[in-house]
Amino acid sequence: MLRRFARRYTLGGMRRPLTSTLVAAAAVLLLSTAACSSDTATVETVDAARAVETIEAGVHTVIDVRTPAEYAAGHVEGAENIDVTAATFEEQVERLDKNDEYVVYCQSGNRSATAADTMADLGFTQVVDAGGITSLQAAGASIVQGG
C-alpha cells in the first residue's frame, strides 16, 4: 500500500517519490539538530533574584567582568575581577577550571553576556549570566567597595 502511495504522489511535481523526499528531509533535520547541540557548554541567563540565590549558595565562583575602576567602586562580595574588555580576558579565564561553576555579571548585562558566551566558546561547562550589578543589588546581593 505504501509503495503504491509513494509511486503515485510526488512532492512539487518532482519525480522522486514522496517517501524518499520525506526520509531525506528527516535525515537533514536530525543531522542539523545534532550539529547545533552541545552537551558540554551551557550558559544560563537568570533573573537577579535567582542570581543572588545562586551566589549566596557559595558553589559558584563569581566573576565581575567590568573594568577595575568599576569593580573598585562597588562589587558583589567575594567576586573576582576579570575585565571582559581587556586584551587578556581570554588568557585570564583560560587559567580557570573549565568544569567549575561560574556566575558572571557586569553593569547592565551586555558585557556579562559577552563574557559568558566567550567562556562557553572556550569550553566552560557551567556559566550563569547574572546580568547587571544594579539589579543584583536591588535583589539583595551584598555589595562591597575597594579592590
C-alpha atoms as a PDB file:
ATOM      1  CA  MET A   1       0.000   0.000   0.000  1.00  0.00           C
ATOM      2  CA  LEU A   2       2.765   2.468   0.919  1.00  0.00           C
ATOM      3  CA  ARG A   3       4.629   1.705  -2.299  1.00  0.00           C
ATOM      4  CA  ARG A   4       1.530   2.388  -4.342  1.00  0.00           C
ATOM      5  CA  PHE A   5       1.095   5.725  -2.497  1.00  0.00           C
ATOM      6  CA  ALA A   6       4.752   6.619  -2.975  1.00  0.00           C
ATOM      7  CA  ARG A   7       4.646   5.942  -6.685  1.00  0.00           C
ATOM      8  CA  ARG A   8       1.517   7.953  -7.268  1.00  0.00           C
ATOM      9  CA  TYR A   9       2.282  11.057  -5.269  1.00  0.00           C
ATOM     10  CA  THR A  10       5.346  13.196  -5.630  1.00  0.00           C
ATOM     11  CA  LEU A  11       6.378  16.382  -3.927  1.00  0.00           C
ATOM     12  CA  GLY A  12       6.061  19.516  -6.040  1.00  0.00           C
ATOM     13  CA  GLY A  13       5.976  17.639  -9.308  1.00  0.00           C
ATOM     14  CA  MET A  14       9.415  16.136  -8.712  1.00  0.00           C
ATOM     15  CA  ARG A  15       9.981  12.637  -9.965  1.00  0.00           C
ATOM     16  CA  ARG A  16      11.335  11.448  -6.616  1.00  0.00           C
ATOM     17  CA  PRO A  17       8.676   9.598  -4.603  1.00  0.00           C
ATOM     18  CA  LEU A  18       7.256  11.460  -1.631  1.00  0.00           C
ATOM     19  CA  THR A  19       8.533   8.907   0.891  1.00  0.00           C
ATOM     20  CA  SER A  20      12.128   9.287  -0.328  1.00  0.00           C
ATOM     21  CA  THR A  21      11.868  13.060  -0.063  1.00  0.00           C
ATOM     22  CA  LEU A  22      10.456  12.847   3.476  1.00  0.00           C
ATOM     23  CA  VAL A  23      13.195  10.443   4.584  1.00  0.00           C
ATOM     24  CA  ALA A  24      15.888  12.738   3.162  1.00  0.00           C
ATOM     25  CA  ALA A  25      14.337  15.792   4.841  1.00  0.00           C
ATOM     26  CA  ALA A  26      14.154  13.990   8.187  1.00  0.00           C
ATOM     27  CA  ALA A  27      17.813  12.966   7.920  1.00  0.00           C
ATOM     28  CA  VAL A  28      18.898  16.536   7.209  1.00  0.00           C
ATOM     29  CA  LEU A  29      16.839  17.813  10.156  1.00  0.00           C
ATOM     30  CA  LEU A  30      18.339  15.253  12.548  1.00  0.00           C
ATOM     31  CA  LEU A  31      21.889  15.972  11.436  1.00  0.00           C
ATOM     32  CA  SER A  32      21.469  19.736  11.726  1.00  0.00           C
ATOM     33  CA  THR A  33      19.948  19.410  15.197  1.00  0.00           C
ATOM     34  CA  ALA A  34      22.795  17.188  16.362  1.00  0.00           C
ATOM     35  CA  ALA A  35      25.394  19.579  14.973  1.00  0.00           C
ATOM     36  CA  CYS A  36      23.889  22.559  16.819  1.00  0.00           C
ATOM     37  CA  SER A  37      23.551  20.952  20.223  1.00  0.00           C
ATOM     38  CA  SER A  38      26.320  20.629  22.744  1.00  0.00           C
ATOM     39  CA  ASP A  39      26.378  18.557  25.896  1.00  0.00           C
ATOM     40  CA  THR A  40      29.347  20.364  27.377  1.00  0.00           C
ATOM     41  CA  ALA A  41      28.929  24.137  27.165  1.00  0.00           C
ATOM     42  CA  THR A  42      25.956  25.794  28.774  1.00  0.00           C
ATOM     43  CA  VAL A  43      25.187  29.403  29.546  1.00  0.00           C
ATOM     44  CA  GLU A  44      22.166  30.022  31.713  1.00  0.00           C
ATOM     45  CA  THR A  45      20.782  33.547  31.927  1.00  0.00           C
ATOM     46  CA  VAL A  46      18.888  34.098  35.159  1.00  0.00           C
ATOM     47  CA  ASP A  47      16.990  36.961  36.751  1.00  0.00           C
ATOM     48  CA  ALA A  48      18.538  38.927  39.613  1.00  0.00           C
ATOM     49  CA  ALA A  49      16.697  37.116  42.405  1.00  0.00           C
ATOM     50  CA  ARG A  50      17.798  33.719  41.130  1.00  0.00           C
ATOM     51  CA  ALA A  51      21.333  35.033  40.606  1.00  0.00           C
ATOM     52  CA  VAL A  52      21.525  36.224  44.209  1.00  0.00           C
ATOM     53  CA  GLU A  53      20.325  32.799  45.422  1.00  0.00           C
ATOM     54  CA  THR A  54      22.970  31.150  43.260  1.00  0.00           C
ATOM     55  CA  ILE A  55      25.704  33.465  44.536  1.00  0.00           C
ATOM     56  CA  GLU A  56      24.673  33.017  48.175  1.00  0.00           C
ATOM     57  CA  ALA A  57      24.724  29.225  47.804  1.00  0.00           C
ATOM     58  CA  GLY A  58      28.510  29.607  47.542  1.00  0.00           C
ATOM     59  CA  VAL A  59      29.029  26.863  44.965  1.00  0.00           C
ATOM     60  CA  HIS A  60      29.881  29.140  42.037  1.00  0.00           C
ATOM     61  CA  THR A  61      32.904  31.362  41.526  1.00  0.00           C
ATOM     62  CA  VAL A  62      31.599  34.895  40.999  1.00  0.00           C
ATOM     63  CA  ILE A  63      33.307  36.979  38.303  1.00  0.00           C
ATOM     64  CA  ASP A  64      32.791  40.717  37.847  1.00  0.00           C
ATOM     65  CA  VAL A  65      33.644  41.382  34.201  1.00  0.00           C
ATOM     66  CA  ARG A  66      33.672  45.193  34.483  1.00  0.00           C
ATOM     67  CA  THR A  67      36.752  47.419  34.483  1.00  0.00           C
ATOM     68  CA  PRO A  68      38.979  47.548  37.577  1.00  0.00           C
ATOM     69  CA  ALA A  69      37.715  51.087  38.335  1.00  0.00           C
ATOM     70  CA  GLU A  70      34.085  49.932  38.226  1.00  0.00           C
ATOM     71  CA  TYR A  71      34.974  46.943  40.384  1.00  0.00           C
ATOM     72  CA  ALA A  72      36.680  49.157  42.983  1.00  0.00           C
ATOM     73  CA  ALA A  73      33.637  51.445  43.153  1.00  0.00           C
ATOM     74  CA  GLY A  74      31.485  48.517  44.265  1.00  0.00           C
ATOM     75  CA  HIS A  75      31.237  44.800  43.550  1.00  0.00           C
ATOM     76  CA  VAL A  76      29.469  41.701  44.781  1.00  0.00           C
ATOM     77  CA  GLU A  77      31.187  40.475  47.920  1.00  0.00           C
ATOM     78  CA  GLY A  78      33.672  37.721  47.069  1.00  0.00           C
ATOM     79  CA  ALA A  79      33.675  38.431  43.328  1.00  0.00           C
ATOM     80  CA  GLU A  80      36.859  38.163  41.304  1.00  0.00           C
ATOM     81  CA  ASN A  81      37.523  40.896  38.729  1.00  0.00           C
ATOM     82  CA  ILE A  82      38.344  39.815  35.171  1.00  0.00           C
ATOM     83  CA  ASP A  83      37.699  42.681  32.752  1.00  0.00           C
ATOM     84  CA  VAL A  84      35.989  41.361  29.606  1.00  0.00           C
ATOM     85  CA  THR A  85      37.205  44.374  27.616  1.00  0.00           C
ATOM     86  CA  ALA A  86      40.845  43.683  28.464  1.00  0.00           C
ATOM     87  CA  ALA A  87      43.016  42.189  25.739  1.00  0.00           C
ATOM     88  CA  THR A  88      43.986  39.451  28.212  1.00  0.00           C
ATOM     89  CA  PHE A  89      40.425  38.356  29.098  1.00  0.00           C
ATOM     90  CA  GLU A  90      40.595  35.012  27.292  1.00  0.00           C
ATOM     91  CA  GLU A  91      44.075  34.338  28.658  1.00  0.00           C
ATOM     92  CA  GLN A  92      42.874  35.040  32.211  1.00  0.00           C
ATOM     93  CA  VAL A  93      39.792  32.834  32.033  1.00  0.00           C
ATOM     94  CA  GLU A  94      41.786  30.038  30.378  1.00  0.00           C
ATOM     95  CA  ARG A  95      43.610  29.694  33.729  1.00  0.00           C
ATOM     96  CA  LEU A  96      40.321  28.791  35.443  1.00  0.00           C
ATOM     97  CA  ASP A  97      38.987  25.245  35.784  1.00  0.00           C
ATOM     98  CA  LYS A  98      36.549  24.782  32.892  1.00  0.00           C
ATOM     99  CA  ASN A  99      34.499  22.260  34.872  1.00  0.00           C
ATOM    100  CA  ASP A 100      33.818  24.575  37.826  1.00  0.00           C
ATOM    101  CA  GLU A 101      30.636  26.624  38.066  1.00  0.00           C
ATOM    102  CA  TYR A 102      30.766  30.377  37.405  1.00  0.00           C
ATOM    103  CA  VAL A 103      28.459  33.373  37.781  1.00  0.00           C
ATOM    104  CA  VAL A 104      29.367  36.427  35.697  1.00  0.00           C
ATOM    105  CA  TYR A 105      27.924  39.920  35.971  1.00  0.00           C
ATOM    106  CA  CYS A 106      28.685  43.438  34.739  1.00  0.00           C
ATOM    107  CA  GLN A 107      26.991  46.831  34.967  1.00  0.00           C
ATOM    108  CA  SER A 108      23.883  46.257  32.841  1.00  0.00           C
ATOM    109  CA  GLY A 109      24.073  42.741  31.383  1.00  0.00           C
ATOM    110  CA  ASN A 110      25.704  43.368  27.996  1.00  0.00           C
ATOM    111  CA  ARG A 111      29.293  42.597  28.934  1.00  0.00           C
ATOM    112  CA  SER A 112      28.270  39.643  31.108  1.00  0.00           C
ATOM    113  CA  ALA A 113      26.514  38.083  28.103  1.00  0.00           C
ATOM    114  CA  THR A 114      29.660  38.572  26.021  1.00  0.00           C
ATOM    115  CA  ALA A 115      31.840  37.089  28.763  1.00  0.00           C
ATOM    116  CA  ALA A 116      29.534  34.107  29.310  1.00  0.00           C
ATOM    117  CA  ASP A 117      29.417  33.335  25.584  1.00  0.00           C
ATOM    118  CA  THR A 118      33.204  33.619  25.322  1.00  0.00           C
ATOM    119  CA  MET A 119      33.653  31.270  28.264  1.00  0.00           C
ATOM    120  CA  ALA A 120      31.268  28.754  26.699  1.00  0.00           C
ATOM    121  CA  ASP A 121      33.183  29.001  23.420  1.00  0.00           C
ATOM    122  CA  LEU A 122      36.380  28.265  25.360  1.00  0.00           C
ATOM    123  CA  GLY A 123      34.850  25.075  26.754  1.00  0.00           C
ATOM    124  CA  PHE A 124      33.495  26.126  30.157  1.00  0.00           C
ATOM    125  CA  THR A 125      30.665  23.800  31.069  1.00  0.00           C
ATOM    126  CA  GLN A 126      28.590  25.798  33.577  1.00  0.00           C
ATOM    127  CA  VAL A 127      28.308  29.566  33.296  1.00  0.00           C
ATOM    128  CA  VAL A 128      25.476  31.641  34.744  1.00  0.00           C
ATOM    129  CA  ASP A 129      24.890  35.113  33.297  1.00  0.00           C
ATOM    130  CA  ALA A 130      23.606  37.169  36.235  1.00  0.00           C
ATOM    131  CA  GLY A 131      23.166  40.412  34.298  1.00  0.00           C
ATOM    132  CA  GLY A 132      23.916  43.756  35.938  1.00  0.00           C
ATOM    133  CA  ILE A 133      25.108  44.737  39.394  1.00  0.00           C
ATOM    134  CA  THR A 134      22.303  47.257  39.885  1.00  0.00           C
ATOM    135  CA  SER A 135      19.691  44.512  39.566  1.00  0.00           C
ATOM    136  CA  LEU A 136      21.738  42.218  41.798  1.00  0.00           C
ATOM    137  CA  GLN A 137      21.953  44.896  44.484  1.00  0.00           C
ATOM    138  CA  ALA A 138      18.197  45.536  44.266  1.00  0.00           C
ATOM    139  CA  ALA A 139      17.641  41.794  44.696  1.00  0.00           C
ATOM    140  CA  GLY A 140      19.708  41.756  47.892  1.00  0.00           C
ATOM    141  CA  ALA A 141      23.273  40.976  46.832  1.00  0.00           C
ATOM    142  CA  SER A 142      25.907  42.178  49.273  1.00  0.00           C
ATOM    143  CA  ILE A 143      27.959  44.942  47.597  1.00  0.00           C
ATOM    144  CA  VAL A 144      31.365  45.987  48.923  1.00  0.00           C
ATOM    145  CA  GLN A 145      33.818  48.690  47.840  1.00  0.00           C
ATOM    146  CA  GLY A 146      37.536  48.581  47.248  1.00  0.00           C
ATOM    147  CA  GLY A 147      39.744  46.192  45.400  1.00  0.00           C
END
